Amino acid sequence: MQPAFRRARGLPRRHWLAAAALAAATLGLAPVPAAAQDGWPSRPIRLVVPFTPGGVTDTSGRVVAEFLGRRLGQQVVVDNKPGASGNIGTALVKDAAPDGYTLVLGFDGTMVINPHVFAKLPFDTLKDFTPIGKIGNATLILVANPDAPVKSLADLVGVSKATAGGLSFGTSGTGGTPHIAGELLKLRTGANLTHVPYKGGGQALTDVVGGNIPLVYTAIAGAHGFVKSGKLRALGVSSAKRSPALPDVPTFSEAGVPDFVVDSWVGLLAPAGLPPAIATRLTTELNAVLNDPEARDKLRTLGIEASPGTAAQFREEMARDLGRYGQVVKAAGIKID
């Protein structure tokens, strides 16, 4: 067998080395040079949010980008790449160079539910990414347009059963945590609800505020401002306790659906193969951000409880959730070819 990079006769050594390096890079064999690692970051970092502006991944991502950029001394630029319930933007980062300049805001719906929902997924959650760390748990909330004939969770169940065709509820996309929560609500209460998927929580919220759909199941992060201003009516949060962001909104358990607890999470990931030194630096700086009182307060206002920890802990949680949600998706019969 001929060697892969045999030097051609008469080719100057410097040209041969350059060609070999280019070929190695093309084959994905070239590691990030040590000098580049030492000088990281030397330019702005791209943070891909795989949903439209306004949802929990976008709002939490912008808070983290602001504070992380301060600590790294380089701007962290949020780049919204929505589509396919988060798959498009997430796959884009999987294929990016593992040099620390492209990150993704991981959402549990995309990372641990989509693998069970989509027949073909353009990435492997545990193999194609380097976990940086979990940002926090996001409280989910069910909201209604003020003109909708529902003022409580009990109203929703009763009205949906009495209405021909039931009631529609929007979410950030098929198979996302809000979608799963809505399906579980149907199973637990017998409510007649029809799911309407969007390309992000922001688009769903725009439609419910505009009266195009009566209900949206989403994260408090996006709905908070609309609820506070009276543009949306909060029916309940599906967390174990009331959210400090909206303390007057009852939990589902308090509203008549006992032991109904479904939260969501967001985290930070990079492409697989990220140099350990850069990965460690990112995890360290992310934890510093999550321990910063100002950043924690901003996240809490969005309904997100900061969860500093290790990259290994984040990977373990993703692995656990992959197993847990597989059973739920199968029971709900959710599948996309």
C-alpha atoms as a PDB file:
ATOM      1  CA  MET A   1       0.000   0.000   0.000  1.00  0.00           C
ATOM      2  CA  GLN A   2       1.309   3.437  -0.887  1.00  0.00           C
ATOM      3  CA  PRO A   3       1.701   5.932   1.980  1.00  0.00           C
ATOM      4  CA  ALA A   4      -1.110   8.503   2.141  1.00  0.00           C
ATOM      5  CA  PHE A   5       1.148  11.548   1.890  1.00  0.00           C
ATOM      6  CA  ARG A   6       4.149  10.386  -0.183  1.00  0.00           C
ATOM      7  CA  ARG A   7       6.189  13.308  -1.391  1.00  0.00           C
ATOM      8  CA  ALA A   8       6.080  13.767  -5.172  1.00  0.00           C
ATOM      9  CA  ARG A   9       9.449  13.886  -6.954  1.00  0.00           C
ATOM     10  CA  GLY A  10      10.735  17.369  -7.581  1.00  0.00           C
ATOM     11  CA  LEU A  11       8.162  19.005  -5.313  1.00  0.00           C
ATOM     12  CA  PRO A  12       9.828  21.487  -2.927  1.00  0.00           C
ATOM     13  CA  ARG A  13       9.601  20.409   0.725  1.00  0.00           C
ATOM     14  CA  ARG A  14       7.655  23.481   1.832  1.00  0.00           C
ATOM     15  CA  HIS A  15       5.053  22.870  -0.892  1.00  0.00           C
ATOM     16  CA  TRP A  16       4.781  19.210   0.049  1.00  0.00           C
ATOM     17  CA  LEU A  17       4.254  20.049   3.727  1.00  0.00           C
ATOM     18  CA  ALA A  18       1.581  22.587   2.870  1.00  0.00           C
ATOM     19  CA  ALA A  19      -0.225  20.078   0.659  1.00  0.00           C
ATOM     20  CA  ALA A  20      -0.040  17.386   3.343  1.00  0.00           C
ATOM     21  CA  ALA A  21      -1.435  19.742   5.950  1.00  0.00           C
ATOM     22  CA  LEU A  22      -4.287  20.724   3.657  1.00  0.00           C
ATOM     23  CA  ALA A  23      -5.109  17.095   2.942  1.00  0.00           C
ATOM     24  CA  ALA A  24      -5.086  16.233   6.636  1.00  0.00           C
ATOM     25  CA  ALA A  25      -7.404  19.123   7.416  1.00  0.00           C
ATOM     26  CA  THR A  26      -9.740  18.058   4.613  1.00  0.00           C
ATOM     27  CA  LEU A  27      -9.908  14.577   6.095  1.00  0.00           C
ATOM     28  CA  GLY A  28     -10.651  15.993   9.525  1.00  0.00           C
ATOM     29  CA  LEU A  29      -7.322  14.750  10.893  1.00  0.00           C
ATOM     30  CA  ALA A  30      -5.713  18.045  11.814  1.00  0.00           C
ATOM     31  CA  PRO A  31      -5.977  18.974  15.484  1.00  0.00           C
ATOM     32  CA  VAL A  32      -6.210  22.580  16.618  1.00  0.00           C
ATOM     33  CA  PRO A  33      -2.581  23.805  16.882  1.00  0.00           C
ATOM     34  CA  ALA A  34      -1.297  24.327  20.410  1.00  0.00           C
ATOM     35  CA  ALA A  35      -0.470  27.946  19.636  1.00  0.00           C
ATOM     36  CA  ALA A  36      -4.086  28.559  18.612  1.00  0.00           C
ATOM     37  CA  GLN A  37      -5.281  26.966  21.857  1.00  0.00           C
ATOM     38  CA  ASP A  38      -2.960  29.136  23.938  1.00  0.00           C
ATOM     39  CA  GLY A  39      -4.228  32.301  22.275  1.00  0.00           C
ATOM     40  CA  TRP A  40      -7.898  31.382  22.488  1.00  0.00           C
ATOM     41  CA  PRO A  41     -10.082  33.332  22.160  1.00  0.00           C
ATOM     42  CA  SER A  42      -8.531  35.777  19.736  1.00  0.00           C
ATOM     43  CA  ARG A  43     -11.751  36.664  17.910  1.00  0.00           C
ATOM     44  CA  PRO A  44     -15.534  36.703  18.512  1.00  0.00           C
ATOM     45  CA  ILE A  45     -17.290  33.434  19.353  1.00  0.00           C
ATOM     46  CA  ARG A  46     -20.453  32.333  17.572  1.00  0.00           C
ATOM     47  CA  LEU A  47     -23.252  30.956  19.769  1.00  0.00           C
ATOM     48  CA  VAL A  48     -25.828  29.183  17.621  1.00  0.00           C
ATOM     49  CA  VAL A  49     -29.361  29.210  19.022  1.00  0.00           C
ATOM     50  CA  PRO A  50     -31.345  26.614  17.036  1.00  0.00           C
ATOM     51  CA  PHE A  51     -34.675  28.426  17.469  1.00  0.00           C
ATOM     52  CA  THR A  52     -36.221  31.757  16.554  1.00  0.00           C
ATOM     53  CA  PRO A  53     -35.739  34.811  18.808  1.00  0.00           C
ATOM     54  CA  GLY A  54     -37.931  35.083  21.876  1.00  0.00           C
ATOM     55  CA  GLY A  55     -37.962  31.533  23.257  1.00  0.00           C
ATOM     56  CA  VAL A  56     -36.119  30.100  26.252  1.00  0.00           C
ATOM     57  CA  THR A  57     -33.005  29.102  24.307  1.00  0.00           C
ATOM     58  CA  ASP A  58     -32.753  32.550  22.754  1.00  0.00           C
ATOM     59  CA  THR A  59     -33.342  34.621  25.894  1.00  0.00           C
ATOM     60  CA  SER A  60     -31.140  32.489  28.134  1.00  0.00           C
ATOM     61  CA  GLY A  61     -28.524  32.311  25.389  1.00  0.00           C
ATOM     62  CA  ARG A  62     -28.332  36.099  25.195  1.00  0.00           C
ATOM     63  CA  VAL A  63     -27.824  36.410  28.945  1.00  0.00           C
ATOM     64  CA  VAL A  64     -25.040  33.811  28.908  1.00  0.00           C
ATOM     65  CA  ALA A  65     -23.484  35.372  25.785  1.00  0.00           C
ATOM     66  CA  GLU A  66     -23.341  38.791  27.447  1.00  0.00           C
ATOM     67  CA  PHE A  67     -21.666  37.628  30.653  1.00  0.00           C
ATOM     68  CA  LEU A  68     -19.449  34.987  29.034  1.00  0.00           C
ATOM     69  CA  GLY A  69     -18.186  37.567  26.579  1.00  0.00           C
ATOM     70  CA  ARG A  70     -17.188  39.858  29.449  1.00  0.00           C
ATOM     71  CA  ARG A  71     -15.164  37.112  31.093  1.00  0.00           C
ATOM     72  CA  LEU A  72     -13.478  35.895  27.903  1.00  0.00           C
ATOM     73  CA  GLY A  73     -12.662  39.366  26.636  1.00  0.00           C
ATOM     74  CA  GLN A  74     -14.288  38.605  23.281  1.00  0.00           C
ATOM     75  CA  GLN A  75     -17.811  39.164  22.045  1.00  0.00           C
ATOM     76  CA  VAL A  76     -20.084  36.120  22.015  1.00  0.00           C
ATOM     77  CA  VAL A  77     -22.493  36.624  19.112  1.00  0.00           C
ATOM     78  CA  VAL A  78     -25.897  34.911  19.151  1.00  0.00           C
ATOM     79  CA  ASP A  79     -26.844  33.441  15.762  1.00  0.00           C
ATOM     80  CA  ASN A  80     -30.423  32.135  15.452  1.00  0.00           C
ATOM     81  CA  LYS A  81     -30.650  29.116  13.123  1.00  0.00           C
ATOM     82  CA  PRO A  82     -34.169  27.678  13.573  1.00  0.00           C
ATOM     83  CA  GLY A  83     -35.821  24.696  11.921  1.00  0.00           C
ATOM     84  CA  ALA A  84     -36.764  21.032  12.401  1.00  0.00           C
ATOM     85  CA  SER A  85     -37.324  21.415  16.163  1.00  0.00           C
ATOM     86  CA  GLY A  86     -33.767  22.612  16.678  1.00  0.00           C
ATOM     87  CA  ASN A  87     -32.079  19.977  14.502  1.00  0.00           C
ATOM     88  CA  ILE A  88     -30.822  22.345  11.801  1.00  0.00           C
ATOM     89  CA  GLY A  89     -28.857  24.710  14.021  1.00  0.00           C
ATOM     90  CA  THR A  90     -27.605  21.901  16.235  1.00  0.00           C
ATOM     91  CA  ALA A  91     -26.330  19.891  13.264  1.00  0.00           C
ATOM     92  CA  LEU A  92     -24.615  23.011  11.946  1.00  0.00           C
ATOM     93  CA  VAL A  93     -22.503  23.139  15.114  1.00  0.00           C
ATOM     94  CA  LYS A  94     -21.785  19.413  14.949  1.00  0.00           C
ATOM     95  CA  ASP A  95     -20.139  20.028  11.564  1.00  0.00           C
ATOM     96  CA  ALA A  96     -18.203  23.124  12.688  1.00  0.00           C
ATOM     97  CA  ALA A  97     -14.480  23.133  13.435  1.00  0.00           C
ATOM     98  CA  PRO A  98     -13.773  22.126  17.070  1.00  0.00           C
ATOM     99  CA  ASP A  99     -11.751  25.249  17.760  1.00  0.00           C
ATOM    100  CA  GLY A 100     -13.878  26.931  20.432  1.00  0.00           C
ATOM    101  CA  TYR A 101     -15.305  29.566  18.113  1.00  0.00           C
ATOM    102  CA  THR A 102     -18.662  27.851  17.471  1.00  0.00           C
ATOM    103  CA  LEU A 103     -20.967  26.778  20.295  1.00  0.00           C
ATOM    104  CA  VAL A 104     -24.604  25.731  20.503  1.00  0.00           C
ATOM    105  CA  LEU A 105     -27.322  26.422  23.038  1.00  0.00           C
ATOM    106  CA  GLY A 106     -28.520  22.906  23.771  1.00  0.00           C
ATOM    107  CA  PHE A 107     -32.214  22.421  24.591  1.00  0.00           C
ATOM    108  CA  ASP A 108     -33.415  19.174  26.130  1.00  0.00           C
ATOM    109  CA  GLY A 109     -36.154  18.865  23.523  1.00  0.00           C
ATOM    110  CA  THR A 110     -33.553  18.834  20.771  1.00  0.00           C
ATOM    111  CA  MET A 111     -30.819  16.867  22.506  1.00  0.00           C
ATOM    112  CA  VAL A 112     -32.718  14.088  24.329  1.00  0.00           C
ATOM    113  CA  ILE A 113     -36.261  13.986  22.868  1.00  0.00           C
ATOM    114  CA  ASN A 114     -35.661  14.489  19.141  1.00  0.00           C
ATOM    115  CA  PRO A 115     -33.534  11.317  18.945  1.00  0.00           C
ATOM    116  CA  HIS A 116     -36.723   9.370  19.758  1.00  0.00           C
ATOM    117  CA  VAL A 117     -39.064  11.473  17.610  1.00  0.00           C
ATOM    118  CA  PHE A 118     -37.196  11.771  14.299  1.00  0.00           C
ATOM    119  CA  ALA A 119     -36.607   8.664  12.207  1.00  0.00           C
ATOM    120  CA  LYS A 120     -33.405  10.280  10.896  1.00  0.00           C
ATOM    121  CA  LEU A 121     -31.411  12.679  13.038  1.00  0.00           C
ATOM    122  CA  PRO A 122     -28.359  14.562  11.683  1.00  0.00           C
ATOM    123  CA  PHE A 123     -26.391  14.169  14.910  1.00  0.00           C
ATOM    124  CA  ASP A 124     -25.689  11.852  17.835  1.00  0.00           C
ATOM    125  CA  THR A 125     -26.191  13.670  21.141  1.00  0.00           C
ATOM    126  CA  LEU A 126     -23.489  11.852  23.090  1.00  0.00           C
ATOM    127  CA  LYS A 127     -20.935  11.304  20.303  1.00  0.00           C
ATOM    128  CA  ASP A 128     -21.006  14.477  18.218  1.00  0.00           C
ATOM    129  CA  PHE A 129     -20.627  17.139  20.910  1.00  0.00           C
ATOM    130  CA  THR A 130     -18.368  18.224  23.740  1.00  0.00           C
ATOM    131  CA  PRO A 131     -20.549  19.140  26.744  1.00  0.00           C
ATOM    132  CA  ILE A 132     -19.481  22.426  28.329  1.00  0.00           C
ATOM    133  CA  GLY A 133     -22.080  22.621  31.067  1.00  0.00           C
ATOM    134  CA  LYS A 134     -25.710  22.909  31.973  1.00  0.00           C
ATOM    135  CA  ILE A 135     -27.008  26.472  32.222  1.00  0.00           C
ATOM    136  CA  GLY A 136     -30.105  25.701  34.246  1.00  0.00           C
ATOM    137  CA  ASN A 137     -33.606  24.306  34.517  1.00  0.00           C
ATOM    138  CA  ALA A 138     -36.354  26.227  32.741  1.00  0.00           C
ATOM    139  CA  THR A 139     -39.849  26.305  34.203  1.00  0.00           C
ATOM    140  CA  LEU A 140     -42.603  25.604  31.671  1.00  0.00           C
ATOM    141  CA  ILE A 141     -45.872  27.532  31.647  1.00  0.00           C
ATOM    142  CA  LEU A 142     -49.227  27.166  29.903  1.00  0.00           C
ATOM    143  CA  VAL A 143     -50.605  30.522  28.761  1.00  0.00           C
ATOM    144  CA  ALA A 144     -53.791  31.614  27.012  1.00  0.00           C
ATOM    145  CA  ASN A 145     -54.895  34.585  24.959  1.00  0.00           C
ATOM    146  CA  PRO A 146     -56.998  36.800  27.287  1.00  0.00           C
ATOM    147  CA  ASP A 147     -59.966  36.473  24.893  1.00  0.00           C
ATOM    148  CA  ALA A 148     -59.894  32.669  25.015  1.00  0.00           C
ATOM    149  CA  PRO A 149     -62.737  31.215  27.134  1.00  0.00           C
ATOM    150  CA  VAL A 150     -60.355  29.697  29.684  1.00  0.00           C
ATOM    151  CA  LYS A 151     -59.262  31.292  32.955  1.00  0.00           C
ATOM    152  CA  SER A 152     -57.873  28.211  34.680  1.00  0.00           C
ATOM    153  CA  LEU A 153     -56.569  24.741  34.010  1.00  0.00           C
ATOM    154  CA  ALA A 154     -59.973  23.320  34.963  1.00  0.00           C
ATOM    155  CA  ASP A 155     -61.597  25.620  32.377  1.00  0.00           C
ATOM    156  CA  LEU A 156     -59.169  24.412  29.743  1.00  0.00           C
ATOM    157  CA  VAL A 157     -60.083  20.773  30.310  1.00  0.00           C
ATOM    158  CA  GLY A 158     -63.823  21.463  30.369  1.00  0.00           C
ATOM    159  CA  VAL A 159     -63.920  23.833  27.395  1.00  0.00           C
ATOM    160  CA  SER A 160     -61.689  21.608  25.259  1.00  0.00           C
ATOM    161  CA  LYS A 161     -63.988  18.640  25.824  1.00  0.00           C
ATOM    162  CA  ALA A 162     -67.098  20.698  25.036  1.00  0.00           C
ATOM    163  CA  THR A 163     -65.656  22.349  21.908  1.00  0.00           C
ATOM    164  CA  ALA A 164     -65.901  20.628  18.538  1.00  0.00           C
ATOM    165  CA  GLY A 165     -62.331  19.949  17.471  1.00  0.00           C
ATOM    166  CA  GLY A 166     -61.041  20.877  20.927  1.00  0.00           C
ATOM    167  CA  LEU A 167     -58.470  23.615  21.545  1.00  0.00           C
ATOM    168  CA  SER A 168     -55.127  24.171  19.834  1.00  0.00           C
ATOM    169  CA  PHE A 169     -51.885  24.699  21.733  1.00  0.00           C
ATOM    170  CA  GLY A 170     -48.660  25.926  20.179  1.00  0.00           C
ATOM    171  CA  THR A 171     -45.111  24.995  21.142  1.00  0.00           C
ATOM    172  CA  SER A 172     -41.562  25.569  19.925  1.00  0.00           C
ATOM    173  CA  GLY A 173     -41.741  22.426  17.779  1.00  0.00           C
ATOM    174  CA  THR A 174     -42.695  18.780  17.480  1.00  0.00           C
ATOM    175  CA  GLY A 175     -41.084  16.596  20.122  1.00  0.00           C
ATOM    176  CA  GLY A 176     -39.887  19.489  22.288  1.00  0.00           C
ATOM    177  CA  THR A 177     -40.356  19.353  26.041  1.00  0.00           C
ATOM    178  CA  PRO A 178     -43.446  21.641  25.897  1.00  0.00           C
ATOM    179  CA  HIS A 179     -44.975  19.332  23.295  1.00  0.00           C
ATOM    180  CA  ILE A 180     -44.304  16.289  25.472  1.00  0.00           C
ATOM    181  CA  ALA A 181     -45.788  18.143  28.463  1.00  0.00           C
ATOM    182  CA  GLY A 182     -48.929  18.958  26.471  1.00  0.00           C
ATOM    183  CA  GLU A 183     -49.339  15.341  25.416  1.00  0.00           C
ATOM    184  CA  LEU A 184     -48.949  14.234  29.021  1.00  0.00           C
ATOM    185  CA  LEU A 185     -51.603  16.776  30.056  1.00  0.00           C
ATOM    186  CA  LYS A 186     -53.966  15.229  27.510  1.00  0.00           C
ATOM    187  CA  LEU A 187     -53.260  11.743  28.836  1.00  0.00           C
ATOM    188  CA  ARG A 188     -53.696  12.785  32.473  1.00  0.00           C
ATOM    189  CA  THR A 189     -56.863  14.900  32.103  1.00  0.00           C
ATOM    190  CA  GLY A 190     -58.582  13.758  28.916  1.00  0.00           C
ATOM    191  CA  ALA A 191     -58.389  17.310  27.549  1.00  0.00           C
ATOM    192  CA  ASN A 192     -59.090  17.579  23.818  1.00  0.00           C
ATOM    193  CA  LEU A 193     -55.985  19.440  22.646  1.00  0.00           C
ATOM    194  CA  THR A 194     -54.403  19.692  19.197  1.00  0.00           C
ATOM    195  CA  HIS A 195     -50.691  20.424  18.899  1.00  0.00           C
ATOM    196  CA  VAL A 196     -49.485  23.216  16.585  1.00  0.00           C
ATOM    197  CA  PRO A 197     -45.681  23.145  16.113  1.00  0.00           C
ATOM    198  CA  TYR A 198     -43.660  26.294  15.387  1.00  0.00           C
ATOM    199  CA  LYS A 199     -39.987  26.929  14.613  1.00  0.00           C
ATOM    200  CA  GLY A 200     -39.472  28.363  18.073  1.00  0.00           C
ATOM    201  CA  GLY A 201     -41.274  29.537  21.180  1.00  0.00           C
ATOM    202  CA  GLY A 202     -41.064  33.146  20.024  1.00  0.00           C
ATOM    203  CA  GLN A 203     -43.216  32.514  16.943  1.00  0.00           C
ATOM    204  CA  ALA A 204     -45.755  30.575  18.988  1.00  0.00           C
ATOM    205  CA  LEU A 205     -46.006  33.423  21.490  1.00  0.00           C
ATOM    206  CA  THR A 206     -46.516  35.957  18.699  1.00  0.00           C
ATOM    207  CA  ASP A 207     -49.471  33.942  17.409  1.00  0.00           C
ATOM    208  CA  VAL A 208     -51.133  33.462  20.787  1.00  0.00           C
ATOM    209  CA  VAL A 209     -50.767  37.163  21.629  1.00  0.00           C
ATOM    210  CA  GLY A 210     -52.275  37.972  18.222  1.00  0.00           C
ATOM    211  CA  GLY A 211     -55.190  35.600  18.808  1.00  0.00           C
ATOM    212  CA  ASN A 212     -54.302  33.164  16.028  1.00  0.00           C
ATOM    213  CA  ILE A 213     -54.203  30.278  18.523  1.00  0.00           C
ATOM    214  CA  PRO A 214     -55.763  30.139  22.007  1.00  0.00           C
ATOM    215  CA  LEU A 215     -52.949  28.463  23.954  1.00  0.00           C
ATOM    216  CA  VAL A 216     -49.184  28.093  24.081  1.00  0.00           C
ATOM    217  CA  TYR A 217     -47.083  25.774  26.230  1.00  0.00           C
ATOM    218  CA  THR A 218     -43.644  27.321  26.578  1.00  0.00           C
ATOM    219  CA  ALA A 219     -40.906  28.333  28.981  1.00  0.00           C
ATOM    220  CA  ILE A 220     -41.464  31.253  31.334  1.00  0.00           C
ATOM    221  CA  ALA A 221     -38.400  32.882  29.770  1.00  0.00           C
ATOM    222  CA  GLY A 222     -40.375  33.917  26.698  1.00  0.00           C
ATOM    223  CA  ALA A 223     -43.840  34.352  28.211  1.00  0.00           C
ATOM    224  CA  HIS A 224     -42.867  36.336  31.314  1.00  0.00           C
ATOM    225  CA  GLY A 225     -43.163  39.826  29.807  1.00  0.00           C
ATOM    226  CA  PHE A 226     -46.490  39.080  28.106  1.00  0.00           C
ATOM    227  CA  VAL A 227     -47.992  37.720  31.333  1.00  0.00           C
ATOM    228  CA  LYS A 228     -46.774  40.690  33.379  1.00  0.00           C
ATOM    229  CA  SER A 229     -48.225  43.144  30.839  1.00  0.00           C
ATOM    230  CA  GLY A 230     -51.573  41.344  30.687  1.00  0.00           C
ATOM    231  CA  LYS A 231     -51.229  40.349  27.046  1.00  0.00           C
ATOM    232  CA  LEU A 232     -51.397  36.677  28.080  1.00  0.00           C
ATOM    233  CA  ARG A 233     -53.163  34.835  30.881  1.00  0.00           C
ATOM    234  CA  ALA A 234     -51.114  32.286  32.822  1.00  0.00           C
ATOM    235  CA  LEU A 235     -52.993  29.062  33.593  1.00  0.00           C
ATOM    236  CA  GLY A 236     -50.231  27.247  35.469  1.00  0.00           C
ATOM    237  CA  VAL A 237     -46.595  26.200  35.671  1.00  0.00           C
ATOM    238  CA  SER A 238     -45.666  22.524  35.420  1.00  0.00           C
ATOM    239  CA  SER A 239     -42.885  22.697  38.004  1.00  0.00           C
ATOM    240  CA  ALA A 240     -42.859  21.217  41.507  1.00  0.00           C
ATOM    241  CA  LYS A 241     -42.928  24.707  43.048  1.00  0.00           C
ATOM    242  CA  ARG A 242     -44.165  28.107  41.946  1.00  0.00           C
ATOM    243  CA  SER A 243     -41.695  30.126  39.955  1.00  0.00           C
ATOM    244  CA  PRO A 244     -40.068  33.148  41.642  1.00  0.00           C
ATOM    245  CA  ALA A 245     -40.463  34.908  38.275  1.00  0.00           C
ATOM    246  CA  LEU A 246     -44.283  34.640  38.460  1.00  0.00           C
ATOM    247  CA  PRO A 247     -45.107  33.781  42.089  1.00  0.00           C
ATOM    248  CA  ASP A 248     -48.860  34.312  41.667  1.00  0.00           C
ATOM    249  CA  VAL A 249     -49.188  31.595  39.025  1.00  0.00           C
ATOM    250  CA  PRO A 250     -50.214  28.212  40.500  1.00  0.00           C
ATOM    251  CA  THR A 251     -48.490  24.929  39.782  1.00  0.00           C
ATOM    252  CA  PHE A 252     -50.405  22.294  37.832  1.00  0.00           C
ATOM    253  CA  SER A 253     -50.670  20.290  41.047  1.00  0.00           C
ATOM    254  CA  GLU A 254     -52.276  23.248  42.806  1.00  0.00           C
ATOM    255  CA  ALA A 255     -54.572  23.751  39.822  1.00  0.00           C
ATOM    256  CA  GLY A 256     -55.996  20.234  40.012  1.00  0.00           C
ATOM    257  CA  VAL A 257     -53.531  17.942  38.202  1.00  0.00           C
ATOM    258  CA  PRO A 258     -51.622  16.272  41.059  1.00  0.00           C
ATOM    259  CA  ASP A 259     -47.984  15.221  40.710  1.00  0.00           C
ATOM    260  CA  PHE A 260     -47.664  16.795  37.257  1.00  0.00           C
ATOM    261  CA  VAL A 261     -44.054  17.979  37.034  1.00  0.00           C
ATOM    262  CA  VAL A 262     -42.322  18.610  33.712  1.00  0.00           C
ATOM    263  CA  ASP A 263     -39.383  21.000  33.536  1.00  0.00           C
ATOM    264  CA  SER A 264     -36.920  21.726  30.772  1.00  0.00           C
ATOM    265  CA  TRP A 265     -33.205  22.532  30.665  1.00  0.00           C
ATOM    266  CA  VAL A 266     -30.724  24.454  28.569  1.00  0.00           C
ATOM    267  CA  GLY A 267     -26.971  23.969  28.317  1.00  0.00           C
ATOM    268  CA  LEU A 268     -23.860  24.823  26.363  1.00  0.00           C
ATOM    269  CA  LEU A 269     -22.091  22.448  23.957  1.00  0.00           C
ATOM    270  CA  ALA A 270     -19.302  22.527  21.366  1.00  0.00           C
ATOM    271  CA  PRO A 271     -18.403  20.202  18.487  1.00  0.00           C
ATOM    272  CA  ALA A 272     -16.766  16.900  19.378  1.00  0.00           C
ATOM    273  CA  GLY A 273     -13.001  17.022  19.444  1.00  0.00           C
ATOM    274  CA  LEU A 274     -12.740  20.351  21.242  1.00  0.00           C
ATOM    275  CA  PRO A 275      -9.243  20.616  22.775  1.00  0.00           C
ATOM    276  CA  PRO A 276      -9.438  19.825  26.530  1.00  0.00           C
ATOM    277  CA  ALA A 277      -7.775  23.117  27.464  1.00  0.00           C
ATOM    278  CA  ILE A 278     -10.456  25.134  25.678  1.00  0.00           C
ATOM    279  CA  ALA A 279     -13.249  22.920  27.010  1.00  0.00           C
ATOM    280  CA  THR A 280     -12.004  23.339  30.568  1.00  0.00           C
ATOM    281  CA  ARG A 281     -11.709  27.104  30.150  1.00  0.00           C
ATOM    282  CA  LEU A 282     -15.259  27.332  28.801  1.00  0.00           C
ATOM    283  CA  THR A 283     -16.677  25.238  31.646  1.00  0.00           C
ATOM    284  CA  THR A 284     -14.799  27.311  34.221  1.00  0.00           C
ATOM    285  CA  GLU A 285     -16.013  30.594  32.753  1.00  0.00           C
ATOM    286  CA  LEU A 286     -19.582  29.328  32.334  1.00  0.00           C
ATOM    287  CA  ASN A 287     -19.690  28.339  36.008  1.00  0.00           C
ATOM    288  CA  ALA A 288     -18.350  31.768  36.951  1.00  0.00           C
ATOM    289  CA  VAL A 289     -21.193  33.321  34.969  1.00  0.00           C
ATOM    290  CA  LEU A 290     -23.775  31.058  36.624  1.00  0.00           C
ATOM    291  CA  ASN A 291     -22.433  31.999  40.066  1.00  0.00           C
ATOM    292  CA  ASP A 292     -22.529  35.717  39.260  1.00  0.00           C
ATOM    293  CA  PRO A 293     -25.444  37.250  41.267  1.00  0.00           C
ATOM    294  CA  GLU A 294     -26.407  39.597  38.430  1.00  0.00           C
ATOM    295  CA  ALA A 295     -26.474  36.822  35.842  1.00  0.00           C
ATOM    296  CA  ARG A 296     -28.378  34.497  38.193  1.00  0.00           C
ATOM    297  CA  ASP A 297     -31.003  37.189  38.803  1.00  0.00           C
ATOM    298  CA  LYS A 298     -31.424  37.793  35.071  1.00  0.00           C
ATOM    299  CA  LEU A 299     -31.866  34.078  34.438  1.00  0.00           C
ATOM    300  CA  ARG A 300     -34.265  33.744  37.365  1.00  0.00           C
ATOM    301  CA  THR A 301     -36.394  36.541  35.936  1.00  0.00           C
ATOM    302  CA  LEU A 302     -36.666  34.417  32.804  1.00  0.00           C
ATOM    303  CA  GLY A 303     -37.753  31.420  34.860  1.00  0.00           C
ATOM    304  CA  ILE A 304     -34.392  29.664  34.752  1.00  0.00           C
ATOM    305  CA  GLU A 305     -32.605  28.475  37.881  1.00  0.00           C
ATOM    306  CA  ALA A 306     -28.858  28.523  37.214  1.00  0.00           C
ATOM    307  CA  SER A 307     -27.170  25.131  37.688  1.00  0.00           C
ATOM    308  CA  PRO A 308     -23.372  25.403  37.757  1.00  0.00           C
ATOM    309  CA  GLY A 309     -21.635  22.040  37.599  1.00  0.00           C
ATOM    310  CA  THR A 310     -19.159  19.906  35.684  1.00  0.00           C
ATOM    311  CA  ALA A 311     -19.202  18.893  32.042  1.00  0.00           C
ATOM    312  CA  ALA A 312     -19.309  15.244  33.175  1.00  0.00           C
ATOM    313  CA  GLN A 313     -22.458  15.885  35.209  1.00  0.00           C
ATOM    314  CA  PHE A 314     -24.092  17.508  32.199  1.00  0.00           C
ATOM    315  CA  ARG A 315     -23.214  14.530  29.996  1.00  0.00           C
ATOM    316  CA  GLU A 316     -24.622  12.120  32.600  1.00  0.00           C
ATOM    317  CA  GLU A 317     -27.895  14.062  32.780  1.00  0.00           C
ATOM    318  CA  MET A 318     -28.249  13.983  29.002  1.00  0.00           C
ATOM    319  CA  ALA A 319     -27.655  10.223  29.003  1.00  0.00           C
ATOM    320  CA  ARG A 320     -30.299   9.707  31.723  1.00  0.00           C
ATOM    321  CA  ASP A 321     -32.860  11.875  29.937  1.00  0.00           C
ATOM    322  CA  LEU A 322     -32.295  10.056  26.653  1.00  0.00           C
ATOM    323  CA  GLY A 323     -33.498   6.899  28.371  1.00  0.00           C
ATOM    324  CA  ARG A 324     -36.334   8.547  30.299  1.00  0.00           C
ATOM    325  CA  TYR A 325     -37.957  10.426  27.427  1.00  0.00           C
ATOM    326  CA  GLY A 326     -37.802   7.485  25.062  1.00  0.00           C
ATOM    327  CA  GLN A 327     -40.581   5.810  27.037  1.00  0.00           C
ATOM    328  CA  VAL A 328     -42.734   8.958  27.102  1.00  0.00           C
ATOM    329  CA  VAL A 329     -42.428   9.569  23.346  1.00  0.00           C
ATOM    330  CA  LYS A 330     -43.366   5.972  22.602  1.00  0.00           C
ATOM    331  CA  ALA A 331     -46.411   6.128  24.878  1.00  0.00           C
ATOM    332  CA  ALA A 332     -47.586   9.375  23.231  1.00  0.00           C
ATOM    333  CA  GLY A 333     -47.044   7.945  19.738  1.00  0.00           C
ATOM    334  CA  ILE A 334     -44.969  10.924  18.555  1.00  0.00           C
ATOM    335  CA  LYS A 335     -42.934  10.191  15.420  1.00  0.00           C
ATOM    336  CA  ILE A 336     -41.581  12.154  12.458  1.00  0.00           C
ATOM    337  CA  ASP A 337     -40.293  10.335   9.376  1.00  0.00           C
END
